Protein backbone atom coordinates (compact mmCIF):
# COMPACT_ATOMS: atom_id res chain seq x y z
CA MET A 1 8.78 35.15 4.13
CA ARG A 2 11.08 37.28 2.14
CA THR A 3 11.19 38.59 -1.21
CA PHE A 4 13.18 36.62 -3.77
CA HIS A 5 14.97 38.65 -6.32
CA ASN A 6 17.04 36.24 -8.53
CA TRP A 7 14.37 35.08 -10.99
CA LYS A 8 13.06 36.10 -14.41
CA LEU A 9 9.63 35.61 -16.24
CA CYS A 10 9.73 34.06 -19.49
CA GLN A 11 7.28 32.30 -21.95
CA GLU A 12 7.56 28.55 -22.50
CA THR A 13 9.29 27.34 -25.57
CA LEU A 14 7.22 26.03 -28.56
CA GLU A 15 8.28 22.51 -27.74
CA GLU A 16 7.11 22.88 -24.07
CA GLN A 17 3.68 24.34 -25.41
CA ARG A 18 3.40 21.57 -27.93
CA LEU A 19 3.97 18.91 -25.11
CA ALA A 20 1.43 20.62 -22.83
CA GLY A 21 -1.08 20.75 -25.65
CA ARG A 22 -1.56 24.53 -25.45
CA TYR A 23 -2.43 26.89 -28.29
CA ASN A 24 -0.77 29.84 -26.61
CA PRO A 25 2.53 29.78 -24.75
CA GLY A 26 2.24 29.76 -20.99
CA LEU A 27 4.43 31.63 -18.61
CA GLN A 28 7.33 30.31 -16.59
CA VAL A 29 9.46 31.68 -13.61
CA HIS A 30 13.08 30.80 -14.05
CA ILE A 31 15.16 30.40 -11.01
CA GLY A 32 18.49 29.04 -11.84
CA LYS A 33 18.03 25.86 -13.75
CA LEU A 34 14.19 25.53 -12.56
CA HIS A 35 11.59 26.47 -15.08
CA LEU A 36 8.35 26.66 -13.01
CA PRO A 37 5.16 26.78 -15.13
CA ILE A 38 2.71 29.26 -13.59
CA GLY A 39 -0.92 30.06 -14.12
CA ALA A 40 -0.41 33.72 -14.86
CA GLY A 41 -1.26 35.91 -17.88
CA ILE A 42 1.19 38.24 -19.52
CA CYS A 43 -0.68 41.25 -17.97
CA ASP A 44 -0.31 39.97 -14.41
CA ASP A 45 1.91 41.37 -11.78
CA VAL A 46 4.13 38.61 -10.60
CA HIS A 47 6.15 38.32 -7.38
CA VAL A 48 8.25 35.51 -5.97
CA PHE A 49 8.76 34.88 -2.35
CA LEU A 50 10.78 32.34 -0.32
CA GLU A 51 10.04 30.83 2.87
CA GLU A 52 11.25 27.44 4.58
CA GLY A 53 12.54 26.05 1.31
CA GLU A 54 9.46 26.76 -0.78
CA TYR A 55 8.82 29.28 -3.55
CA TYR A 56 5.71 31.16 -3.32
CA ILE A 57 4.74 32.52 -6.89
CA PHE A 58 2.09 35.20 -6.46
CA SER A 59 0.24 36.75 -9.41
CA MET A 60 -2.35 39.43 -9.52
CA ASN A 61 -4.31 41.14 -12.23
CA TYR A 62 -5.62 44.56 -11.18
CA GLY A 63 -7.72 45.01 -14.26
CA LEU A 64 -9.48 41.68 -14.01
CA GLU A 65 -9.28 41.56 -10.24
CA TYR A 66 -7.95 38.12 -9.59
CA VAL A 67 -5.04 36.76 -7.44
CA GLY A 68 -3.34 33.47 -7.53
CA LEU A 69 -0.63 31.75 -5.43
CA GLN A 70 1.34 28.64 -6.37
CA VAL A 71 3.77 26.96 -4.07
CA PHE A 72 6.69 24.98 -5.35
CA SER A 73 9.42 23.12 -3.64
CA VAL A 74 12.92 24.15 -4.31
CA GLU A 75 13.26 21.17 -6.60
CA GLY A 76 10.33 22.55 -8.69
CA GLU A 77 7.49 20.30 -7.48
CA LEU A 78 3.99 22.09 -7.40
CA LEU A 79 2.92 21.78 -3.81
CA ASP A 80 -0.12 23.68 -3.55
CA ASN A 81 -2.11 26.53 -5.25
CA VAL A 82 -5.06 28.86 -4.87
CA PHE A 83 -6.89 31.25 -7.17
CA LEU A 84 -9.47 33.93 -6.26
CA ASP A 85 -11.32 35.71 -8.97
CA THR A 86 -14.63 37.12 -7.67
CA ASP A 87 -15.15 40.24 -5.59
CA TYR A 88 -16.80 38.19 -2.90
CA GLN A 89 -13.80 35.69 -2.54
CA ILE A 90 -11.36 38.48 -2.47
CA ALA A 91 -13.13 40.62 0.10
CA GLU A 92 -13.79 37.53 2.31
CA ASP A 93 -10.50 35.91 2.13
CA ILE A 94 -7.89 38.67 1.75
CA GLY A 95 -9.78 41.89 2.32
CA SER A 96 -8.53 44.23 -0.52
CA LEU A 97 -6.34 44.34 -3.61
CA GLU A 98 -4.96 47.50 -2.18
CA LEU A 99 -2.59 45.74 0.22
CA THR A 100 0.93 44.88 -0.56
CA PRO A 101 1.78 41.90 -2.62
CA MET A 102 3.46 40.21 0.38
CA THR A 103 0.55 40.92 2.76
CA ILE A 104 -1.89 39.23 0.14
CA CYS A 105 0.53 36.38 -0.38
CA LYS A 106 0.53 35.74 3.46
CA ARG A 107 -3.14 35.83 3.50
CA LEU A 108 -3.43 33.32 0.71
CA GLN A 109 -0.77 31.17 2.43
CA ALA A 110 -3.01 31.03 5.53
CA LEU A 111 -5.90 30.26 3.32
CA LEU A 112 -3.95 27.22 1.89
CA ALA A 113 -3.09 26.17 5.50
CA GLN A 114 -6.80 26.02 6.37
CA LYS A 115 -7.46 23.47 3.60
């Protein structure tokens, strides 16, 4: 797994928001022509990693203490996701939020593999 740098974080357009039936715009990770809708808030710390032709979009919110991982194919298809939002889940499944984003992402990746 390696850090992917060529991306930007954007809000979805009003048309995308309307089509999705949302009252508030969601966030997207733009990678080239791909616009990947992600389940992250505007205050989240977002990181993108690449491994074996898959994008790993990792989001973490230190204040609300939650983490999420979404896995997309290079074509933009959502392949899998996981979200941990309780102290118990975080302690049991990843250990601590004090770890590096890549380390937490790898632990969440292992959690997905166990499904």
